[in-house]
Each structure stands twice: as C-alpha cells, then as structure tokens.
Protein backbone atom coordinates (compact mmCIF):
# COMPACT_ATOMS: atom_id res chain seq x y z
CA MET A 1 41.61 -10.89 -7.14
CA ALA A 2 39.07 -10.67 -3.93
CA ASP A 3 40.94 -7.61 -2.72
CA GLU A 4 40.12 -6.06 -6.34
CA ARG A 5 36.46 -7.04 -6.24
CA LYS A 6 36.71 -5.36 -2.50
CA ILE A 7 38.26 -2.22 -3.45
CA ARG A 8 35.83 -1.97 -6.63
CA ILE A 9 32.73 -2.71 -4.17
CA ASP A 10 33.85 0.17 -1.71
CA ARG A 11 34.27 2.47 -4.41
CA ALA A 12 30.68 2.06 -5.37
CA ALA A 13 29.39 2.45 -2.10
CA GLU A 14 31.47 5.73 -1.85
CA SER A 15 30.36 7.05 -4.98
CA ARG A 16 26.58 6.37 -4.39
CA PRO A 17 25.30 9.08 -1.39
CA SER A 18 23.61 7.19 1.26
CA ASP A 19 20.25 9.61 0.62
CA SER A 20 20.08 8.53 -3.01
CA TRP A 21 16.86 7.82 -4.91
CA LEU A 22 16.01 3.94 -5.54
CA PRO A 23 12.99 2.48 -7.42
CA GLN A 24 10.51 1.29 -5.40
CA SER A 25 8.94 -2.38 -5.46
CA ALA A 26 5.92 -3.00 -7.10
CA LEU A 27 4.79 -4.82 -4.42
CA PRO A 28 5.43 -3.18 -1.04
CA ILE A 29 6.76 -5.28 1.86
CA PRO A 30 4.74 -4.71 5.08
CA GLU A 31 6.29 -4.06 8.34
CA PRO A 32 6.93 -7.52 10.24
CA LEU A 33 4.56 -8.59 12.74
CA ASP A 34 5.46 -11.14 15.69
CA GLY A 35 3.87 -14.63 15.05
CA TRP A 36 2.54 -13.58 11.56
CA VAL A 37 4.10 -14.19 8.00
CA PHE A 38 2.95 -12.45 4.74
CA ARG A 39 1.93 -13.23 1.01
CA TRP A 40 0.73 -12.08 -2.07
CA ILE A 41 -2.06 -13.97 -3.03
CA ARG A 42 -3.61 -13.84 -6.87
CA THR A 43 -6.68 -12.61 -7.22
CA SER A 44 -7.05 -12.19 -10.83
CA SER A 45 -4.92 -13.06 -14.10
CA LEU A 46 -5.28 -11.20 -17.43
CA GLY A 47 -8.05 -9.05 -16.28
CA ARG A 48 -10.04 -12.63 -14.87
CA SER A 49 -10.68 -13.22 -11.51
CA ASP A 50 -9.40 -16.21 -10.02
CA ASN A 51 -11.77 -16.97 -6.84
CA THR A 52 -10.59 -20.50 -6.89
CA ASN A 53 -7.41 -19.71 -5.83
CA VAL A 54 -8.67 -17.15 -3.28
CA SER A 55 -10.84 -19.42 -1.77
CA ARG A 56 -8.06 -21.89 -1.26
CA GLN A 57 -5.63 -19.93 0.51
CA MET A 58 -8.44 -18.46 2.54
CA ARG A 59 -9.33 -22.13 3.63
CA GLU A 60 -5.49 -22.61 4.29
CA GLY A 61 -5.55 -20.01 6.90
CA TRP A 62 -4.57 -16.69 4.85
CA GLU A 63 -6.38 -13.63 5.96
CA PRO A 64 -6.47 -10.28 3.70
CA VAL A 65 -4.55 -7.38 5.47
CA LYS A 66 -6.43 -4.32 5.85
CA ALA A 67 -4.75 -1.22 4.43
CA GLU A 68 -5.59 0.71 7.65
CA ASP A 69 -3.34 -2.00 9.76
CA HIS A 70 -0.52 -0.85 7.34
CA PRO A 71 -0.16 2.72 6.71
CA GLU A 72 3.31 2.42 5.77
CA LEU A 73 2.57 0.70 2.70
CA LYS A 74 1.09 3.92 1.22
CA ILE A 75 -1.10 2.05 -1.09
CA ARG A 76 -4.72 2.33 -2.49
CA SER A 77 -6.68 -0.30 -3.50
CA ASP A 78 -7.42 -1.37 -7.16
CA ILE A 79 -10.43 0.23 -8.62
CA ASN A 80 -12.65 -2.38 -9.27
CA SER A 81 -11.34 -4.48 -6.33
CA GLN A 82 -13.72 -7.15 -4.68
CA PHE A 83 -11.49 -6.88 -1.73
CA LYS A 84 -12.55 -2.97 -0.47
CA GLY A 85 -10.28 -1.60 2.53
CA ASN A 86 -7.45 -4.44 1.81
CA VAL A 87 -4.25 -4.30 0.27
CA GLU A 88 -4.60 -5.34 -3.48
CA VAL A 89 -1.99 -4.29 -6.39
CA GLY A 90 -2.22 -5.44 -10.01
CA GLY A 91 -4.59 -8.74 -9.09
CA LEU A 92 -2.45 -9.39 -6.05
CA LEU A 93 -3.69 -9.33 -2.59
CA LEU A 94 -1.75 -9.04 0.59
CA CYS A 95 -2.48 -11.69 2.83
CA LYS A 96 -1.40 -12.94 6.12
CA ALA A 97 -1.16 -16.23 8.46
CA PRO A 98 0.06 -17.39 12.07
CA LEU A 99 3.31 -18.41 11.66
CA GLU A 100 2.74 -21.65 13.48
CA LYS A 101 0.17 -22.74 11.35
CA MET A 102 2.40 -21.93 8.04
CA MET A 103 4.99 -24.00 9.64
CA GLN A 104 2.84 -26.79 9.87
CA ARG A 105 1.74 -26.26 6.48
CA GLN A 106 5.56 -25.99 5.35
CA LYS A 107 6.46 -29.48 7.40
CA TYR A 108 3.04 -31.36 5.65
CA TYR A 109 4.66 -30.13 2.08
CA GLN A 110 7.99 -30.98 2.73
CA GLU A 111 7.08 -34.45 4.09
CA LEU A 112 4.96 -34.92 1.14
CA SER A 113 7.93 -33.96 -1.41
CA ASP A 114 10.41 -36.21 0.68
CA ARG A 115 7.95 -39.45 0.07
CA GLN A 116 7.78 -38.62 -3.55
CA ILE A 117 11.37 -38.30 -4.10
CA GLU A 118 12.26 -41.46 -1.87
CA GLY A 119 9.39 -43.31 -4.28
CA VAL A 120 11.32 -41.90 -7.76
CA ASP A 121 14.29 -43.13 -6.24
CA ARG A 122 13.14 -46.63 -5.12
CA SER A 123 11.36 -46.96 -8.64
CA TYR A 124 14.90 -45.91 -10.45
CA LEU A 125 16.90 -48.28 -8.51
CA ARG A 126 14.57 -51.01 -9.14
CA GLU A 127 14.92 -50.47 -12.78
CA ASN A 128 18.63 -50.26 -12.68
CA VAL A 129 18.81 -53.54 -10.72
CA ARG A 130 16.95 -55.16 -13.40
CA VAL A 131 18.87 -53.50 -16.12
CA CYS A 132 22.19 -54.67 -14.52
CA ARG A 133 21.09 -58.30 -13.62
CA SER A 134 20.12 -58.41 -17.43
CA LEU A 135 23.08 -57.26 -18.67
CA THR A 136 25.12 -59.48 -16.19
CA ARG A 137 23.45 -62.22 -17.71
CA SER A 138 24.28 -61.01 -21.12
CA VAL A 139 27.73 -60.60 -20.30
CA GLN A 140 28.21 -64.00 -18.62
CA ARG A 141 26.84 -65.46 -21.85
CA ALA A 142 28.84 -63.66 -24.21
CA LEU A 143 32.12 -64.05 -22.42
CA VAL A 144 34.00 -67.15 -23.58
CA LEU A 145 37.40 -68.28 -22.17
CA GLY A 146 40.08 -68.76 -25.07
CA GLU A 147 42.60 -71.71 -25.20
CA ASP A 148 45.02 -69.31 -23.61
CA ASN A 149 43.19 -68.29 -20.95
CA SER A 150 42.17 -65.01 -22.05
CA PHE A 151 38.43 -63.73 -22.38
CA SER A 152 36.72 -62.45 -25.58
CA PHE A 153 33.46 -61.12 -26.12
CA HIS A 154 30.88 -63.10 -28.83
CA PHE A 155 27.84 -61.10 -29.97
C-alpha cells in the first residue's frame, strides 16, 4: 500500500513541470531575517479600524515592516491605509519583533496555560474524590452480606 502511494506521488510530480504556475498567497511571506520573527496584525475588521489591537501589539514589541525594506514582496499598501509606506493587505499589517522577546512572550503564555491546566486538573480530581467517597459510602450502606455469605445490594 505504501509503495502504491509513493508511486502515485512520484507520477504526480513527474506530470507537473517544475516551472508550472501556482497561485500566490494573499499574504506574502517576507525573506527571513536573523533574530526577527514576522506576523500579520489586524488593523481593521469589516471596514472598521481596530486601533486597540494595533496599540496592544505595538506595546508587546511588534513593529510595522517598511515596504522599502522588503521589495521582494512586490506589494502596494491599501489605499486608505493609516500605515503609509508599510506593508498592509486587506486590514492586516506585516510586523516584525525581536526573536528573543517573542520567545520570552511565548514562555510566559506557556507557563500561564500550564498553571490554568493544572488548576483545572486539581479541581476535577477534587470533585472526583468527593464523588468517589460519596459513592463508596453509598455502596457500603447498600451492601448487605447474605446468610450464604453472598453480597447483595439494597437500594
């Protein structure tokens, strides 16, 4: 079965020339820069600007990417863009941030998530212990030893 699949994939690759046309992504991907990470940040939704989101992202360390710094993107800014000279497509602004800072951010949110999961687990186990104790007492009360040393339940 795996051989058939491999053969099918190989045939598909052979039938497509290496210079065949593929549709481009709506959001271009910039060339990687050492020490930086990229992200698209929402500037508007359904035609309404989202300055709160942009401000929060800027405070977290994201900086708008200048279009002149990435000519490989071959993109024009939105007509009514608040961010002239930057890369903005359909209400999304391309931003970059230092890799080290974003790793610290990721670590913070991972620790926060781990603590939340741990709290939920503790709460779940605490409730289950109560249920098990209650169930054990009920079973002990309902369990009756018969004359022939057999157990029976009485509810």
